[in-house]
Amino acid sequence: MPNVINVYGVCEAETCKRPERAIVREEDSVVIGNKRYHRGCEPTVEEREARNRSSA
């Protein structure tokens, strides 16, 4: 019987820092806005503020 792997989403970082883009552990998942990231791949506060300024 194959192992079952839960997937909590796909990392939506521009450059994911993990070899796999799938988030397989709930504690590694970070949601900012409507996007899901691996913990450590999420954009910094400065990057989020710059993105918000450019889209306004």
Protein backbone atom coordinates (compact mmCIF):
# COMPACT_ATOMS: atom_id res chain seq x y z
CA MET A 1 0.00 0.00 0.00
CA PRO A 2 1.54 3.34 -1.00
CA ASN A 3 2.19 6.05 1.55
CA VAL A 4 -0.38 8.83 1.66
CA ILE A 5 1.06 12.35 1.55
CA ASN A 6 -1.13 15.29 2.51
CA VAL A 7 -0.56 18.37 0.39
CA TYR A 8 -1.45 21.75 1.89
CA GLY A 9 -0.97 23.68 -1.32
CA VAL A 10 1.78 24.80 -3.65
CA CYS A 11 4.34 27.42 -2.64
CA GLU A 12 3.51 30.58 -4.60
CA ALA A 13 6.83 32.33 -4.00
CA GLU A 14 8.51 33.80 -7.07
CA THR A 15 11.54 31.68 -6.16
CA CYS A 16 10.76 28.78 -3.86
CA LYS A 17 13.70 27.93 -1.59
CA ARG A 18 12.72 24.26 -1.26
CA PRO A 19 13.40 21.49 -3.77
CA GLU A 20 9.70 20.60 -3.87
CA ARG A 21 7.04 23.25 -4.47
CA ALA A 22 4.30 21.26 -2.73
CA ILE A 23 3.73 22.11 0.93
CA VAL A 24 3.45 18.77 2.70
CA ARG A 25 3.47 19.85 6.35
CA GLU A 26 0.80 22.13 7.77
CA GLU A 27 3.30 23.80 10.14
CA ASP A 28 5.43 24.80 7.11
CA SER A 29 2.51 26.66 5.53
CA VAL A 30 2.23 30.47 5.72
CA VAL A 31 -0.65 32.38 4.15
CA ILE A 32 -0.13 36.06 3.35
CA GLY A 33 -2.94 37.78 1.53
CA ASN A 34 -4.43 35.09 -0.68
CA LYS A 35 -1.15 33.30 -1.37
CA ARG A 36 0.36 30.27 0.35
CA TYR A 37 4.10 29.93 0.99
CA HIS A 38 6.55 27.61 2.69
CA ARG A 39 7.75 29.12 5.96
CA GLY A 40 10.91 30.96 4.87
CA CYS A 41 9.77 31.54 1.27
CA GLU A 42 7.24 34.26 2.10
CA PRO A 43 8.05 37.81 0.94
CA THR A 44 9.51 40.19 3.50
CA VAL A 45 7.52 43.14 4.82
CA GLU A 46 9.59 45.45 2.60
CA GLU A 47 8.85 43.36 -0.49
CA ARG A 48 5.11 43.33 0.29
CA GLU A 49 5.07 47.10 0.85
CA ALA A 50 6.96 47.74 -2.40
CA ARG A 51 4.55 45.49 -4.31
CA ASN A 52 1.57 47.32 -2.76
CA ARG A 53 3.03 50.73 -3.73
CA SER A 54 3.68 49.64 -7.30
CA SER A 55 0.16 48.29 -7.79
CA ALA A 56 -1.56 51.36 -6.31
